[in-house]
N, C-alpha and C. Protein backbone atom coordinates (compact mmCIF):
# COMPACT_ATOMS: atom_id res chain seq x y z
N LEU A 1 0.83 -1.19 0.00
CA LEU A 1 0.00 0.00 0.00
C LEU A 1 0.86 1.23 0.00
N HIS A 2 0.37 2.23 -0.59
CA HIS A 2 1.00 3.54 -0.55
C HIS A 2 0.98 4.02 0.89
N SER A 3 2.00 4.72 1.36
CA SER A 3 2.06 5.10 2.77
C SER A 3 0.84 5.89 3.21
N ALA A 4 0.29 6.74 2.34
CA ALA A 4 -0.91 7.49 2.70
C ALA A 4 -2.08 6.55 2.91
N ASN A 5 -2.20 5.52 2.07
CA ASN A 5 -3.29 4.56 2.21
C ASN A 5 -3.14 3.74 3.49
N VAL A 6 -1.91 3.41 3.85
CA VAL A 6 -1.69 2.66 5.08
C VAL A 6 -2.15 3.50 6.26
N SER A 7 -1.78 4.79 6.26
CA SER A 7 -2.19 5.67 7.35
C SER A 7 -3.71 5.76 7.40
N GLU A 8 -4.35 5.89 6.25
CA GLU A 8 -5.81 5.95 6.20
C GLU A 8 -6.42 4.67 6.76
N ALA A 9 -5.83 3.53 6.40
CA ALA A 9 -6.35 2.24 6.86
C ALA A 9 -6.20 2.14 8.38
N VAL A 10 -5.08 2.60 8.92
CA VAL A 10 -4.85 2.53 10.36
C VAL A 10 -5.85 3.43 11.07
N VAL A 11 -6.04 4.66 10.58
CA VAL A 11 -7.00 5.58 11.20
C VAL A 11 -8.40 4.97 11.13
N SER A 12 -8.75 4.41 9.96
CA SER A 12 -10.06 3.78 9.80
C SER A 12 -10.23 2.64 10.79
N THR A 13 -9.21 1.83 10.95
CA THR A 13 -9.27 0.69 11.86
C THR A 13 -9.46 1.16 13.29
N GLN A 14 -8.74 2.21 13.68
CA GLN A 14 -8.84 2.69 15.06
C GLN A 14 -10.20 3.29 15.34
N SER A 15 -10.76 4.02 14.38
CA SER A 15 -12.01 4.72 14.64
C SER A 15 -13.24 3.82 14.48
N THR A 16 -13.16 2.80 13.64
CA THR A 16 -14.33 1.97 13.37
C THR A 16 -14.19 0.55 13.90
N GLY A 17 -13.00 0.17 14.34
CA GLY A 17 -12.80 -1.19 14.79
C GLY A 17 -12.60 -2.15 13.63
N ALA A 18 -12.45 -1.62 12.42
CA ALA A 18 -12.27 -2.46 11.24
C ALA A 18 -10.91 -3.15 11.29
N LYS A 19 -10.87 -4.37 10.80
CA LYS A 19 -9.63 -5.13 10.77
C LYS A 19 -9.05 -5.06 9.36
N THR A 20 -7.75 -4.97 9.28
CA THR A 20 -7.10 -5.01 7.97
C THR A 20 -6.51 -6.40 7.77
N ARG A 21 -6.30 -6.72 6.50
CA ARG A 21 -5.70 -7.99 6.14
C ARG A 21 -4.96 -7.80 4.83
N LYS A 22 -4.08 -8.73 4.52
CA LYS A 22 -3.33 -8.66 3.27
C LYS A 22 -3.85 -9.72 2.30
N ILE A 23 -3.82 -9.35 1.02
CA ILE A 23 -4.16 -10.29 -0.05
C ILE A 23 -3.12 -10.12 -1.17
N ARG A 24 -3.01 -11.16 -1.97
CA ARG A 24 -2.19 -11.09 -3.18
C ARG A 24 -3.12 -11.01 -4.37
N ILE A 25 -2.78 -10.16 -5.32
CA ILE A 25 -3.52 -10.10 -6.58
C ILE A 25 -2.53 -10.50 -7.67
N ILE A 26 -2.88 -11.57 -8.37
CA ILE A 26 -1.99 -12.14 -9.39
C ILE A 26 -2.62 -11.98 -10.76
N ASN A 27 -1.90 -11.29 -11.64
CA ASN A 27 -2.35 -11.09 -13.02
C ASN A 27 -1.94 -12.32 -13.82
N THR A 28 -2.90 -13.09 -14.28
CA THR A 28 -2.59 -14.33 -14.99
C THR A 28 -2.04 -14.08 -16.39
N LEU A 29 -2.24 -12.88 -16.93
CA LEU A 29 -1.73 -12.55 -18.26
C LEU A 29 -0.23 -12.23 -18.19
N THR A 30 0.17 -11.46 -17.17
CA THR A 30 1.56 -10.99 -17.10
C THR A 30 2.36 -11.67 -15.99
N SER A 31 1.70 -12.44 -15.14
CA SER A 31 2.31 -13.09 -13.97
C SER A 31 2.78 -12.10 -12.91
N GLN A 32 2.39 -10.84 -13.02
CA GLN A 32 2.73 -9.86 -11.99
C GLN A 32 1.89 -10.13 -10.75
N GLU A 33 2.50 -9.89 -9.61
CA GLU A 33 1.82 -10.12 -8.33
C GLU A 33 2.00 -8.90 -7.44
N HIS A 34 0.91 -8.48 -6.81
CA HIS A 34 0.94 -7.34 -5.90
C HIS A 34 0.27 -7.74 -4.60
N THR A 35 0.85 -7.31 -3.48
CA THR A 35 0.26 -7.54 -2.18
C THR A 35 -0.37 -6.23 -1.71
N LEU A 36 -1.64 -6.30 -1.33
CA LEU A 36 -2.36 -5.13 -0.85
C LEU A 36 -2.85 -5.37 0.57
N GLU A 37 -2.84 -4.33 1.37
CA GLU A 37 -3.48 -4.39 2.68
C GLU A 37 -4.83 -3.74 2.52
N VAL A 38 -5.88 -4.46 2.90
CA VAL A 38 -7.25 -3.99 2.71
C VAL A 38 -8.02 -4.09 4.02
N CYS A 39 -9.06 -3.28 4.14
CA CYS A 39 -9.94 -3.36 5.30
C CYS A 39 -10.97 -4.46 5.06
N SER A 40 -11.36 -5.12 6.12
CA SER A 40 -12.34 -6.21 6.01
C SER A 40 -13.64 -5.75 5.38
N GLU A 41 -14.01 -4.50 5.61
CA GLU A 41 -15.29 -3.98 5.11
C GLU A 41 -15.23 -3.52 3.66
N GLU A 42 -14.05 -3.46 3.07
CA GLU A 42 -13.94 -3.00 1.68
C GLU A 42 -14.56 -4.01 0.73
N THR A 43 -15.27 -3.49 -0.25
CA THR A 43 -15.79 -4.35 -1.31
C THR A 43 -14.68 -4.55 -2.35
N LEU A 44 -14.88 -5.53 -3.21
CA LEU A 44 -13.92 -5.74 -4.28
C LEU A 44 -13.86 -4.53 -5.20
N GLU A 45 -14.97 -3.81 -5.38
CA GLU A 45 -14.96 -2.58 -6.18
C GLU A 45 -14.00 -1.56 -5.59
N GLU A 46 -14.01 -1.42 -4.27
CA GLU A 46 -13.11 -0.47 -3.61
C GLU A 46 -11.66 -0.92 -3.75
N ILE A 47 -11.43 -2.21 -3.63
CA ILE A 47 -10.08 -2.74 -3.82
C ILE A 47 -9.64 -2.52 -5.26
N LEU A 48 -10.53 -2.76 -6.20
CA LEU A 48 -10.25 -2.53 -7.62
C LEU A 48 -9.84 -1.08 -7.86
N ASN A 49 -10.56 -0.15 -7.27
CA ASN A 49 -10.23 1.28 -7.45
C ASN A 49 -8.83 1.60 -6.97
N ARG A 50 -8.38 0.97 -5.90
CA ARG A 50 -7.02 1.19 -5.43
C ARG A 50 -6.00 0.44 -6.28
N PHE A 51 -6.44 -0.64 -6.92
CA PHE A 51 -5.54 -1.45 -7.74
C PHE A 51 -5.22 -0.77 -9.08
N TYR A 52 -6.01 0.24 -9.47
CA TYR A 52 -5.76 0.94 -10.73
C TYR A 52 -4.35 1.50 -10.82
N LYS A 53 -3.74 1.84 -9.69
CA LYS A 53 -2.38 2.39 -9.75
C LYS A 53 -1.37 1.34 -10.26
N TYR A 54 -1.72 0.07 -10.15
CA TYR A 54 -0.86 -1.00 -10.67
C TYR A 54 -1.27 -1.42 -12.08
N ASN A 55 -2.55 -1.29 -12.40
CA ASN A 55 -3.05 -1.75 -13.69
C ASN A 55 -4.24 -0.89 -14.09
N LYS A 56 -4.02 -0.01 -15.05
CA LYS A 56 -5.07 0.93 -15.48
C LYS A 56 -6.24 0.22 -16.17
N HIS A 57 -6.06 -1.04 -16.54
CA HIS A 57 -7.12 -1.81 -17.19
C HIS A 57 -7.75 -2.83 -16.23
N ALA A 58 -7.58 -2.62 -14.94
CA ALA A 58 -8.02 -3.61 -13.94
C ALA A 58 -9.50 -3.97 -14.07
N ALA A 59 -10.32 -3.04 -14.52
CA ALA A 59 -11.75 -3.32 -14.69
C ALA A 59 -12.00 -4.24 -15.88
N SER A 60 -11.00 -4.42 -16.72
CA SER A 60 -11.12 -5.29 -17.89
C SER A 60 -10.73 -6.73 -17.57
N TYR A 61 -10.64 -7.03 -16.29
CA TYR A 61 -10.27 -8.36 -15.84
C TYR A 61 -11.41 -9.00 -15.06
N THR A 62 -11.49 -10.31 -15.15
CA THR A 62 -12.39 -11.08 -14.29
C THR A 62 -11.58 -11.45 -13.06
N TRP A 63 -12.13 -11.16 -11.89
CA TRP A 63 -11.46 -11.44 -10.62
C TRP A 63 -12.01 -12.74 -10.06
N LYS A 64 -11.09 -13.66 -9.70
CA LYS A 64 -11.49 -14.98 -9.21
C LYS A 64 -10.70 -15.37 -7.97
N TYR A 65 -11.34 -16.19 -7.15
CA TYR A 65 -10.68 -16.81 -6.00
C TYR A 65 -11.01 -18.29 -6.05
N ASN A 66 -9.98 -19.12 -6.04
CA ASN A 66 -10.15 -20.57 -6.14
C ASN A 66 -11.03 -20.96 -7.33
N GLY A 67 -10.85 -20.26 -8.44
CA GLY A 67 -11.57 -20.60 -9.66
C GLY A 67 -12.99 -20.06 -9.74
N THR A 68 -13.45 -19.36 -8.72
CA THR A 68 -14.82 -18.84 -8.69
C THR A 68 -14.82 -17.33 -8.93
N ASN A 69 -15.69 -16.88 -9.83
CA ASN A 69 -15.81 -15.44 -10.08
C ASN A 69 -16.22 -14.73 -8.80
N LEU A 70 -15.60 -13.58 -8.55
CA LEU A 70 -15.93 -12.79 -7.37
C LEU A 70 -16.98 -11.74 -7.73
N THR A 71 -17.87 -11.46 -6.78
CA THR A 71 -18.88 -10.42 -6.94
C THR A 71 -18.27 -9.13 -6.42
N MET A 72 -18.08 -8.17 -7.32
CA MET A 72 -17.33 -6.97 -7.00
C MET A 72 -18.03 -6.07 -5.98
N THR A 73 -19.32 -6.23 -5.79
CA THR A 73 -20.05 -5.40 -4.81
C THR A 73 -20.01 -6.01 -3.41
N LYS A 74 -19.36 -7.16 -3.26
CA LYS A 74 -19.26 -7.83 -1.96
C LYS A 74 -17.85 -7.71 -1.40
N THR A 75 -17.74 -7.95 -0.10
CA THR A 75 -16.43 -7.97 0.55
C THR A 75 -15.74 -9.30 0.25
N LEU A 76 -14.48 -9.39 0.66
CA LEU A 76 -13.75 -10.65 0.49
C LEU A 76 -14.45 -11.78 1.24
N GLU A 77 -14.80 -11.53 2.50
CA GLU A 77 -15.46 -12.55 3.33
C GLU A 77 -16.78 -13.00 2.70
N GLN A 78 -17.56 -12.04 2.19
CA GLN A 78 -18.83 -12.37 1.55
C GLN A 78 -18.63 -13.19 0.28
N ASN A 79 -17.44 -13.08 -0.32
CA ASN A 79 -17.09 -13.85 -1.51
C ASN A 79 -16.42 -15.18 -1.16
N GLY A 80 -16.36 -15.50 0.13
CA GLY A 80 -15.76 -16.78 0.53
C GLY A 80 -14.26 -16.75 0.72
N VAL A 81 -13.67 -15.56 0.73
CA VAL A 81 -12.23 -15.43 0.97
C VAL A 81 -12.05 -15.19 2.47
N LYS A 82 -11.82 -16.27 3.19
CA LYS A 82 -11.76 -16.21 4.65
C LYS A 82 -10.51 -15.49 5.14
N ASP A 83 -10.67 -14.79 6.25
CA ASP A 83 -9.55 -14.14 6.93
C ASP A 83 -9.06 -15.13 7.98
N GLU A 84 -7.91 -15.74 7.74
CA GLU A 84 -7.40 -16.78 8.62
C GLU A 84 -6.19 -16.33 9.43
N ASP A 85 -5.99 -15.01 9.52
CA ASP A 85 -4.84 -14.46 10.25
C ASP A 85 -4.72 -15.02 11.66
N GLU A 86 -5.82 -15.02 12.41
CA GLU A 86 -5.77 -15.46 13.80
C GLU A 86 -5.41 -16.94 13.91
N GLU A 87 -5.95 -17.76 13.01
CA GLU A 87 -5.62 -19.19 13.02
C GLU A 87 -4.14 -19.40 12.73
N PHE A 88 -3.61 -18.64 11.76
CA PHE A 88 -2.19 -18.77 11.44
C PHE A 88 -1.32 -18.35 12.62
N TYR A 89 -1.76 -17.30 13.32
CA TYR A 89 -1.02 -16.85 14.50
C TYR A 89 -1.00 -17.94 15.58
N GLU A 90 -2.17 -18.53 15.82
CA GLU A 90 -2.26 -19.59 16.83
C GLU A 90 -1.42 -20.81 16.47
N LEU A 91 -1.32 -21.10 15.18
CA LEU A 91 -0.54 -22.24 14.71
C LEU A 91 0.93 -21.90 14.48
N ASN A 92 1.27 -20.63 14.73
CA ASN A 92 2.63 -20.14 14.55
C ASN A 92 3.09 -20.23 13.09
N PHE A 93 2.14 -20.02 12.16
CA PHE A 93 2.46 -19.96 10.73
C PHE A 93 2.80 -18.53 10.36
N ASN A 94 3.66 -18.37 9.40
CA ASN A 94 3.96 -17.04 8.87
C ASN A 94 2.84 -16.68 7.89
N GLU A 95 2.02 -15.70 8.27
CA GLU A 95 0.86 -15.35 7.43
C GLU A 95 1.29 -14.91 6.03
N GLU A 96 2.48 -14.35 5.88
CA GLU A 96 2.96 -13.90 4.57
C GLU A 96 3.07 -15.08 3.59
N ASP A 97 3.30 -16.26 4.12
CA ASP A 97 3.40 -17.45 3.27
C ASP A 97 2.04 -17.99 2.85
N TRP A 98 0.96 -17.50 3.48
CA TRP A 98 -0.37 -18.06 3.27
C TRP A 98 -1.41 -17.01 2.91
N LEU A 99 -0.98 -15.93 2.26
CA LEU A 99 -1.93 -14.88 1.88
C LEU A 99 -2.89 -15.39 0.81
N PRO A 100 -4.18 -15.06 0.93
CA PRO A 100 -5.12 -15.47 -0.11
C PRO A 100 -4.74 -14.84 -1.45
N ALA A 101 -4.86 -15.61 -2.51
CA ALA A 101 -4.50 -15.13 -3.85
C ALA A 101 -5.75 -14.91 -4.69
N ILE A 102 -5.93 -13.68 -5.13
CA ILE A 102 -6.98 -13.34 -6.08
C ILE A 102 -6.33 -13.34 -7.45
N HIS A 103 -6.85 -14.15 -8.35
CA HIS A 103 -6.33 -14.20 -9.71
C HIS A 103 -7.20 -13.34 -10.61
N ILE A 104 -6.54 -12.52 -11.43
CA ILE A 104 -7.29 -11.70 -12.37
C ILE A 104 -6.98 -12.18 -13.79
N TYR A 105 -8.04 -12.34 -14.57
CA TYR A 105 -7.97 -12.88 -15.93
C TYR A 105 -8.42 -11.81 -16.91
N PHE A 106 -7.57 -11.50 -17.89
CA PHE A 106 -7.88 -10.43 -18.83
C PHE A 106 -9.06 -10.80 -19.72
N ASN A 107 -10.00 -9.85 -19.84
CA ASN A 107 -11.12 -9.96 -20.78
C ASN A 107 -10.76 -9.09 -21.98
N ASP A 108 -10.71 -9.64 -23.14
CA ASP A 108 -10.31 -8.87 -24.33
C ASP A 108 -11.46 -8.01 -24.80
N ASP A 109 -11.73 -6.93 -24.04
CA ASP A 109 -12.87 -6.07 -24.38
C ASP A 109 -12.44 -4.70 -24.91
N LEU A 110 -11.14 -4.49 -25.06
CA LEU A 110 -10.59 -3.28 -25.67
C LEU A 110 -10.99 -1.98 -24.96
N THR A 111 -11.08 -2.01 -23.62
CA THR A 111 -11.34 -0.76 -22.92
C THR A 111 -10.11 0.10 -22.95
N GLU A 112 -10.29 1.40 -22.79
CA GLU A 112 -9.16 2.33 -22.80
C GLU A 112 -8.84 2.75 -21.38
N ALA A 113 -7.56 2.99 -21.16
CA ALA A 113 -7.11 3.45 -19.83
C ALA A 113 -7.34 4.93 -19.69
């Protein structure tokens, strides 16, 4: 995350009790991978809007988790992307090794950036 976004996320978390978590977004066309810190309450649309800084054509992609299309108006949890941070902590796993991966697949729709 951009340092300003991290600060915003921390302030948001403190004032609303929202929890943040990390996810990986993997572009299946280019094999590029980005790790984002997101708030639990963010919808995929909101995450997409922040992802534009990495890919100006991000809306031209189908977003999937475990092979299932994600509903962009829902949160990660509502889309079945569980937040397992606490379980990994209890099991002494390094959460960085087990971040959920969202795969994005390019739709050849010729949108402009």
